[in-house]
Structures are given as C-alpha cells and as structure tokens.
Amino acid sequence: GAGIKQAISEGIVKREDLFIQTKFTPVGGQDL
C-alpha cells in the first residue's frame, strides 16, 4: 500500500487505473 501511495502521490498512476489484488489466508498459512 505504501508503494502504491507513493506512485499515486507522484502522479505516476491513479487509483482507478490500478488493479489491486490481495488474499484472505486461512490459519494454516499464517504465522500464528
């Protein structure tokens, strides 16, 4: 998010021109 925010603030890209994908990771894939 910080890297994206920097790119937006420097005028490199607008939020609406980005495709942001993240994931919900179940417990088995997490560091408890």
All heavy atoms as atom14 arrays in JSON, in Angstrom:
{
  "sequence": "GAGIKQAISEGIVKREDLFIQTKFTPVGGQDL",
  "atom14_mask": [
    [1, 1, 1, 1, 0, 0, 0, 0, 0, 0, 0, 0, 0, 0],
    [1, 1, 1, 1, 1, 0, 0, 0, 0, 0, 0, 0, 0, 0],
    [1, 1, 1, 1, 0, 0, 0, 0, 0, 0, 0, 0, 0, 0],
    [1, 1, 1, 1, 1, 1, 1, 1, 0, 0, 0, 0, 0, 0],
    [1, 1, 1, 1, 1, 1, 1, 1, 1, 0, 0, 0, 0, 0],
    [1, 1, 1, 1, 1, 1, 1, 1, 1, 0, 0, 0, 0, 0],
    [1, 1, 1, 1, 1, 0, 0, 0, 0, 0, 0, 0, 0, 0],
    [1, 1, 1, 1, 1, 1, 1, 1, 0, 0, 0, 0, 0, 0],
    [1, 1, 1, 1, 1, 1, 0, 0, 0, 0, 0, 0, 0, 0],
    [1, 1, 1, 1, 1, 1, 1, 1, 1, 0, 0, 0, 0, 0],
    [1, 1, 1, 1, 0, 0, 0, 0, 0, 0, 0, 0, 0, 0],
    [1, 1, 1, 1, 1, 1, 1, 1, 0, 0, 0, 0, 0, 0],
    [1, 1, 1, 1, 1, 1, 1, 0, 0, 0, 0, 0, 0, 0],
    [1, 1, 1, 1, 1, 1, 1, 1, 1, 0, 0, 0, 0, 0],
    [1, 1, 1, 1, 1, 1, 1, 1, 1, 1, 1, 0, 0, 0],
    [1, 1, 1, 1, 1, 1, 1, 1, 1, 0, 0, 0, 0, 0],
    [1, 1, 1, 1, 1, 1, 1, 1, 0, 0, 0, 0, 0, 0],
    [1, 1, 1, 1, 1, 1, 1, 1, 0, 0, 0, 0, 0, 0],
    [1, 1, 1, 1, 1, 1, 1, 1, 1, 1, 1, 0, 0, 0],
    [1, 1, 1, 1, 1, 1, 1, 1, 0, 0, 0, 0, 0, 0],
    [1, 1, 1, 1, 1, 1, 1, 1, 1, 0, 0, 0, 0, 0],
    [1, 1, 1, 1, 1, 1, 1, 0, 0, 0, 0, 0, 0, 0],
    [1, 1, 1, 1, 1, 1, 1, 1, 1, 0, 0, 0, 0, 0],
    [1, 1, 1, 1, 1, 1, 1, 1, 1, 1, 1, 0, 0, 0],
    [1, 1, 1, 1, 1, 1, 1, 0, 0, 0, 0, 0, 0, 0],
    [1, 1, 1, 1, 1, 1, 1, 0, 0, 0, 0, 0, 0, 0],
    [1, 1, 1, 1, 1, 1, 1, 0, 0, 0, 0, 0, 0, 0],
    [1, 1, 1, 1, 0, 0, 0, 0, 0, 0, 0, 0, 0, 0],
    [1, 1, 1, 1, 0, 0, 0, 0, 0, 0, 0, 0, 0, 0],
    [1, 1, 1, 1, 1, 1, 1, 1, 1, 0, 0, 0, 0, 0],
    [1, 1, 1, 1, 1, 1, 1, 1, 0, 0, 0, 0, 0, 0],
    [1, 1, 1, 1, 1, 1, 1, 1, 0, 0, 0, 0, 0, 0]
  ],
  "atom14_positions": [
    [[0.81, -1.21, 0.0], [0.0, 0.0, 0.0], [0.85, 1.26, 0.0], [0.52, 2.24, -0.68], [0.0, 0.0, 0.0], [0.0, 0.0, 0.0], [0.0, 0.0, 0.0], [0.0, 0.0, 0.0], [0.0, 0.0, 0.0], [0.0, 0.0, 0.0], [0.0, 0.0, 0.0], [0.0, 0.0, 0.0], [0.0, 0.0, 0.0], [0.0, 0.0, 0.0]],
    [[1.95, 1.24, 0.73], [2.83, 2.41, 0.78], [3.46, 2.69, -0.58], [3.58, 3.85, -1.01], [3.92, 2.2, 1.83], [0.0, 0.0, 0.0], [0.0, 0.0, 0.0], [0.0, 0.0, 0.0], [0.0, 0.0, 0.0], [0.0, 0.0, 0.0], [0.0, 0.0, 0.0], [0.0, 0.0, 0.0], [0.0, 0.0, 0.0], [0.0, 0.0, 0.0]],
    [[3.88, 1.63, -1.27], [4.45, 1.8, -2.6], [3.45, 2.35, -3.59], [3.77, 3.22, -4.42], [0.0, 0.0, 0.0], [0.0, 0.0, 0.0], [0.0, 0.0, 0.0], [0.0, 0.0, 0.0], [0.0, 0.0, 0.0], [0.0, 0.0, 0.0], [0.0, 0.0, 0.0], [0.0, 0.0, 0.0], [0.0, 0.0, 0.0], [0.0, 0.0, 0.0]],
    [[2.21, 1.87, -3.5], [1.15, 2.38, -4.37], [0.86, 3.85, -4.04], [0.71, 4.68, -4.95], [-0.12, 1.53, -4.21], [0.12, 0.11, -4.76], [-1.3, 2.18, -4.93], [-1.01, -0.86, -4.48], [0.0, 0.0, 0.0], [0.0, 0.0, 0.0], [0.0, 0.0, 0.0], [0.0, 0.0, 0.0], [0.0, 0.0, 0.0], [0.0, 0.0, 0.0]],
    [[0.79, 4.15, -2.76], [0.51, 5.53, -2.34], [1.57, 6.48, -2.86], [1.26, 7.6, -3.32], [0.43, 5.6, -0.82], [0.0, 6.95, -0.28], [-0.19, 6.92, 1.23], [-0.71, 8.24, 1.74], [-0.94, 8.2, 3.22], [0.0, 0.0, 0.0], [0.0, 0.0, 0.0], [0.0, 0.0, 0.0], [0.0, 0.0, 0.0], [0.0, 0.0, 0.0]],
    [[2.83, 6.06, -2.82], [3.91, 6.9, -3.34], [3.74, 7.14, -4.84], [3.89, 8.27, -5.32], [5.27, 6.26, -3.07], [6.44, 7.09, -3.56], [7.78, 6.41, -3.37], [7.86, 5.32, -2.78], [8.85, 7.02, -3.86], [0.0, 0.0, 0.0], [0.0, 0.0, 0.0], [0.0, 0.0, 0.0], [0.0, 0.0, 0.0], [0.0, 0.0, 0.0]],
    [[3.39, 6.08, -5.57], [3.2, 6.22, -7.02], [2.03, 7.14, -7.34], [2.09, 7.94, -8.28], [2.99, 4.85, -7.65], [0.0, 0.0, 0.0], [0.0, 0.0, 0.0], [0.0, 0.0, 0.0], [0.0, 0.0, 0.0], [0.0, 0.0, 0.0], [0.0, 0.0, 0.0], [0.0, 0.0, 0.0], [0.0, 0.0, 0.0], [0.0, 0.0, 0.0]],
    [[0.97, 7.05, -6.54], [-0.18, 7.94, -6.75], [0.2, 9.38, -6.44], [-0.12, 10.31, -7.2], [-1.37, 7.48, -5.88], [-1.91, 6.14, -6.38], [-2.49, 8.53, -5.88], [-2.99, 5.53, -5.48], [0.0, 0.0, 0.0], [0.0, 0.0, 0.0], [0.0, 0.0, 0.0], [0.0, 0.0, 0.0], [0.0, 0.0, 0.0], [0.0, 0.0, 0.0]],
    [[0.9, 9.59, -5.32], [1.25, 10.95, -4.9], [2.22, 11.61, -5.88], [2.21, 12.84, -6.02], [1.87, 10.93, -3.49], [3.12, 10.26, -3.48], [0.0, 0.0, 0.0], [0.0, 0.0, 0.0], [0.0, 0.0, 0.0], [0.0, 0.0, 0.0], [0.0, 0.0, 0.0], [0.0, 0.0, 0.0], [0.0, 0.0, 0.0], [0.0, 0.0, 0.0]],
    [[3.03, 10.82, -6.58], [3.98, 11.38, -7.55], [3.4, 11.47, -8.94], [4.1, 11.81, -9.9], [5.26, 10.55, -7.55], [6.03, 10.62, -6.24], [7.42, 10.03, -6.3], [7.93, 9.83, -7.42], [8.0, 9.77, -5.23], [0.0, 0.0, 0.0], [0.0, 0.0, 0.0], [0.0, 0.0, 0.0], [0.0, 0.0, 0.0], [0.0, 0.0, 0.0]],
    [[2.1, 11.15, -9.07], [1.42, 11.31, -10.35], [1.73, 10.24, -11.38], [1.43, 10.41, -12.56], [0.0, 0.0, 0.0], [0.0, 0.0, 0.0], [0.0, 0.0, 0.0], [0.0, 0.0, 0.0], [0.0, 0.0, 0.0], [0.0, 0.0, 0.0], [0.0, 0.0, 0.0], [0.0, 0.0, 0.0], [0.0, 0.0, 0.0], [0.0, 0.0, 0.0]],
    [[2.31, 9.13, -10.95], [2.64, 8.05, -11.87], [1.38, 7.3, -12.29], [1.26, 6.84, -13.43], [3.66, 7.09, -11.22], [5.01, 7.82, -11.04], [3.85, 5.83, -12.04], [6.01, 7.05, -10.22], [0.0, 0.0, 0.0], [0.0, 0.0, 0.0], [0.0, 0.0, 0.0], [0.0, 0.0, 0.0], [0.0, 0.0, 0.0], [0.0, 0.0, 0.0]],
    [[0.45, 7.15, -11.37], [-0.76, 6.39, -11.65], [-1.89, 6.91, -10.78], [-1.65, 7.52, -9.73], [-0.5, 4.88, -11.38], [-0.3, 4.62, -9.9], [-1.62, 4.02, -11.93], [0.0, 0.0, 0.0], [0.0, 0.0, 0.0], [0.0, 0.0, 0.0], [0.0, 0.0, 0.0], [0.0, 0.0, 0.0], [0.0, 0.0, 0.0], [0.0, 0.0, 0.0]],
    [[-3.12, 6.69, -11.2], [-4.3, 6.99, -10.4], [-4.87, 5.68, -9.86], [-4.71, 4.63, -10.48], [-5.36, 7.71, -11.24], [-4.92, 9.07, -11.77], [-6.02, 9.69, -12.62], [-5.58, 11.05, -13.15], [-6.64, 11.64, -14.01], [0.0, 0.0, 0.0], [0.0, 0.0, 0.0], [0.0, 0.0, 0.0], [0.0, 0.0, 0.0], [0.0, 0.0, 0.0]],
    [[-5.55, 5.76, -8.73], [-6.12, 4.54, -8.15], [-7.03, 3.82, -9.13], [-7.0, 2.58, -9.23], [-6.89, 4.88, -6.85], [-7.71, 3.7, -6.29], [-6.8, 2.53, -5.92], [-7.51, 1.36, -5.44], [-7.86, 0.32, -6.21], [-7.58, 0.33, -7.52], [-8.46, -0.73, -5.68], [0.0, 0.0, 0.0], [0.0, 0.0, 0.0], [0.0, 0.0, 0.0]],
    [[-7.83, 4.57, -9.87], [-8.79, 3.94, -10.78], [-8.12, 3.25, -11.96], [-8.76, 2.48, -12.69], [-9.8, 4.97, -11.29], [-9.19, 6.18, -11.99], [-8.99, 7.37, -11.04], [-8.74, 7.13, -9.83], [-9.08, 8.51, -11.52], [0.0, 0.0, 0.0], [0.0, 0.0, 0.0], [0.0, 0.0, 0.0], [0.0, 0.0, 0.0], [0.0, 0.0, 0.0]],
    [[-6.84, 3.48, -12.14], [-6.1, 2.82, -13.23], [-5.3, 1.62, -12.73], [-4.51, 1.05, -13.49], [-5.15, 3.81, -13.9], [-5.89, 4.96, -14.55], [-7.01, 4.72, -15.06], [-5.38, 6.1, -14.53], [0.0, 0.0, 0.0], [0.0, 0.0, 0.0], [0.0, 0.0, 0.0], [0.0, 0.0, 0.0], [0.0, 0.0, 0.0], [0.0, 0.0, 0.0]],
    [[-5.52, 1.23, -11.47], [-4.8, 0.11, -10.88], [-5.72, -1.07, -10.61], [-6.9, -0.89, -10.31], [-4.16, 0.53, -9.55], [-2.91, 1.4, -9.6], [-2.49, 1.75, -8.18], [-1.78, 0.71, -10.33], [0.0, 0.0, 0.0], [0.0, 0.0, 0.0], [0.0, 0.0, 0.0], [0.0, 0.0, 0.0], [0.0, 0.0, 0.0], [0.0, 0.0, 0.0]],
    [[-5.16, -2.26, -10.69], [-5.85, -3.48, -10.31], [-5.12, -4.04, -9.1], [-4.01, -4.56, -9.21], [-5.85, -4.49, -11.47], [-6.65, -5.73, -11.21], [-7.99, -5.8, -11.54], [-6.04, -6.85, -10.63], [-8.73, -6.95, -11.3], [-6.78, -8.01, -10.38], [-8.12, -8.05, -10.73], [0.0, 0.0, 0.0], [0.0, 0.0, 0.0], [0.0, 0.0, 0.0]],
    [[-5.74, -3.91, -7.93], [-5.13, -4.37, -6.68], [-5.8, -5.67, -6.24], [-7.01, -5.73, -6.06], [-5.27, -3.3, -5.58], [-4.53, -2.02, -5.98], [-4.73, -3.84, -4.25], [-4.73, -0.88, -5.01], [0.0, 0.0, 0.0], [0.0, 0.0, 0.0], [0.0, 0.0, 0.0], [0.0, 0.0, 0.0], [0.0, 0.0, 0.0], [0.0, 0.0, 0.0]],
    [[-4.98, -6.67, -6.07], [-5.48, -7.99, -5.66], [-4.77, -8.42, -4.38], [-3.55, -8.39, -4.29], [-5.21, -9.01, -6.76], [-5.62, -10.44, -6.39], [-5.51, -11.37, -7.58], [-6.41, -11.43, -8.41], [-4.41, -12.09, -7.69], [0.0, 0.0, 0.0], [0.0, 0.0, 0.0], [0.0, 0.0, 0.0], [0.0, 0.0, 0.0], [0.0, 0.0, 0.0]],
    [[-5.57, -8.82, -3.4], [-4.99, -9.37, -2.17], [-5.72, -10.65, -1.82], [-6.59, -11.11, -2.57], [-5.01, -8.35, -1.02], [-4.22, -8.85, 0.06], [-6.43, -8.05, -0.55], [0.0, 0.0, 0.0], [0.0, 0.0, 0.0], [0.0, 0.0, 0.0], [0.0, 0.0, 0.0], [0.0, 0.0, 0.0], [0.0, 0.0, 0.0], [0.0, 0.0, 0.0]],
    [[-5.36, -11.23, -0.68], [-5.92, -12.55, -0.35], [-6.3, -12.63, 1.12], [-5.67, -11.99, 1.97], [-4.9, -13.65, -0.66], [-4.35, -13.62, -2.07], [-3.32, -14.72, -2.27], [-2.56, -14.53, -3.57], [-1.55, -13.45, -3.46], [0.0, 0.0, 0.0], [0.0, 0.0, 0.0], [0.0, 0.0, 0.0], [0.0, 0.0, 0.0], [0.0, 0.0, 0.0]],
    [[-7.3, -13.45, 1.37], [-7.56, -13.91, 2.73], [-6.85, -15.25, 2.87], [-7.11, -16.19, 2.11], [-9.06, -14.09, 3.0], [-9.32, -14.89, 4.26], [-9.13, -14.31, 5.5], [-9.71, -16.23, 4.2], [-9.33, -15.05, 6.67], [-9.92, -16.97, 5.36], [-9.73, -16.37, 6.6], [0.0, 0.0, 0.0], [0.0, 0.0, 0.0], [0.0, 0.0, 0.0]],
    [[-5.94, -15.34, 3.84], [-5.16, -16.55, 4.06], [-5.66, -17.26, 5.31], [-5.63, -16.69, 6.41], [-3.66, -16.21, 4.24], [-3.22, -15.45, 3.11], [-2.84, -17.49, 4.36], [0.0, 0.0, 0.0], [0.0, 0.0, 0.0], [0.0, 0.0, 0.0], [0.0, 0.0, 0.0], [0.0, 0.0, 0.0], [0.0, 0.0, 0.0], [0.0, 0.0, 0.0]],
    [[-6.13, -18.5, 5.18], [-6.58, -19.25, 6.36], [-5.46, -19.48, 7.37], [-4.27, -19.28, 7.07], [-7.07, -20.58, 5.76], [-7.43, -20.24, 4.35], [-6.41, -19.22, 3.93], [0.0, 0.0, 0.0], [0.0, 0.0, 0.0], [0.0, 0.0, 0.0], [0.0, 0.0, 0.0], [0.0, 0.0, 0.0], [0.0, 0.0, 0.0], [0.0, 0.0, 0.0]],
    [[-5.84, -19.92, 8.56], [-4.91, -20.08, 9.67], [-3.7, -20.95, 9.29], [-2.57, -20.66, 9.67], [-5.63, -20.69, 10.89], [-4.63, -21.04, 11.99], [-6.68, -19.72, 11.43], [0.0, 0.0, 0.0], [0.0, 0.0, 0.0], [0.0, 0.0, 0.0], [0.0, 0.0, 0.0], [0.0, 0.0, 0.0], [0.0, 0.0, 0.0], [0.0, 0.0, 0.0]],
    [[-3.93, -22.01, 8.53], [-2.86, -22.93, 8.18], [-1.72, -22.3, 7.42], [-0.6, -22.81, 7.42], [0.0, 0.0, 0.0], [0.0, 0.0, 0.0], [0.0, 0.0, 0.0], [0.0, 0.0, 0.0], [0.0, 0.0, 0.0], [0.0, 0.0, 0.0], [0.0, 0.0, 0.0], [0.0, 0.0, 0.0], [0.0, 0.0, 0.0], [0.0, 0.0, 0.0]],
    [[-1.97, -21.17, 6.77], [-0.92, -20.49, 6.02], [-0.32, -19.29, 6.72], [0.51, -18.58, 6.16], [0.0, 0.0, 0.0], [0.0, 0.0, 0.0], [0.0, 0.0, 0.0], [0.0, 0.0, 0.0], [0.0, 0.0, 0.0], [0.0, 0.0, 0.0], [0.0, 0.0, 0.0], [0.0, 0.0, 0.0], [0.0, 0.0, 0.0], [0.0, 0.0, 0.0]],
    [[-0.73, -19.06, 7.97], [-0.31, -17.88, 8.7], [0.79, -18.19, 9.73], [0.94, -19.32, 10.19], [-1.51, -17.27, 9.45], [-2.65, -16.78, 8.55], [-2.39, -15.42, 7.96], [-1.29, -14.85, 8.06], [-3.42, -14.86, 7.31], [0.0, 0.0, 0.0], [0.0, 0.0, 0.0], [0.0, 0.0, 0.0], [0.0, 0.0, 0.0], [0.0, 0.0, 0.0]],
    [[1.52, -17.15, 10.09], [2.4, -17.18, 11.24], [1.53, -16.82, 12.44], [1.03, -15.69, 12.54], [3.52, -16.15, 11.06], [4.44, -16.02, 12.27], [4.13, -16.64, 13.32], [5.44, -15.3, 12.18], [0.0, 0.0, 0.0], [0.0, 0.0, 0.0], [0.0, 0.0, 0.0], [0.0, 0.0, 0.0], [0.0, 0.0, 0.0], [0.0, 0.0, 0.0]],
    [[1.34, -17.75, 13.35], [0.42, -17.53, 14.46], [0.83, -16.37, 15.37], [0.0, -15.86, 16.14], [0.27, -18.81, 15.28], [-0.35, -20.01, 14.54], [-0.45, -21.22, 15.48], [-1.72, -19.65, 13.98], [0.0, 0.0, 0.0], [0.0, 0.0, 0.0], [0.0, 0.0, 0.0], [0.0, 0.0, 0.0], [0.0, 0.0, 0.0], [0.0, 0.0, 0.0]]
  ]
}
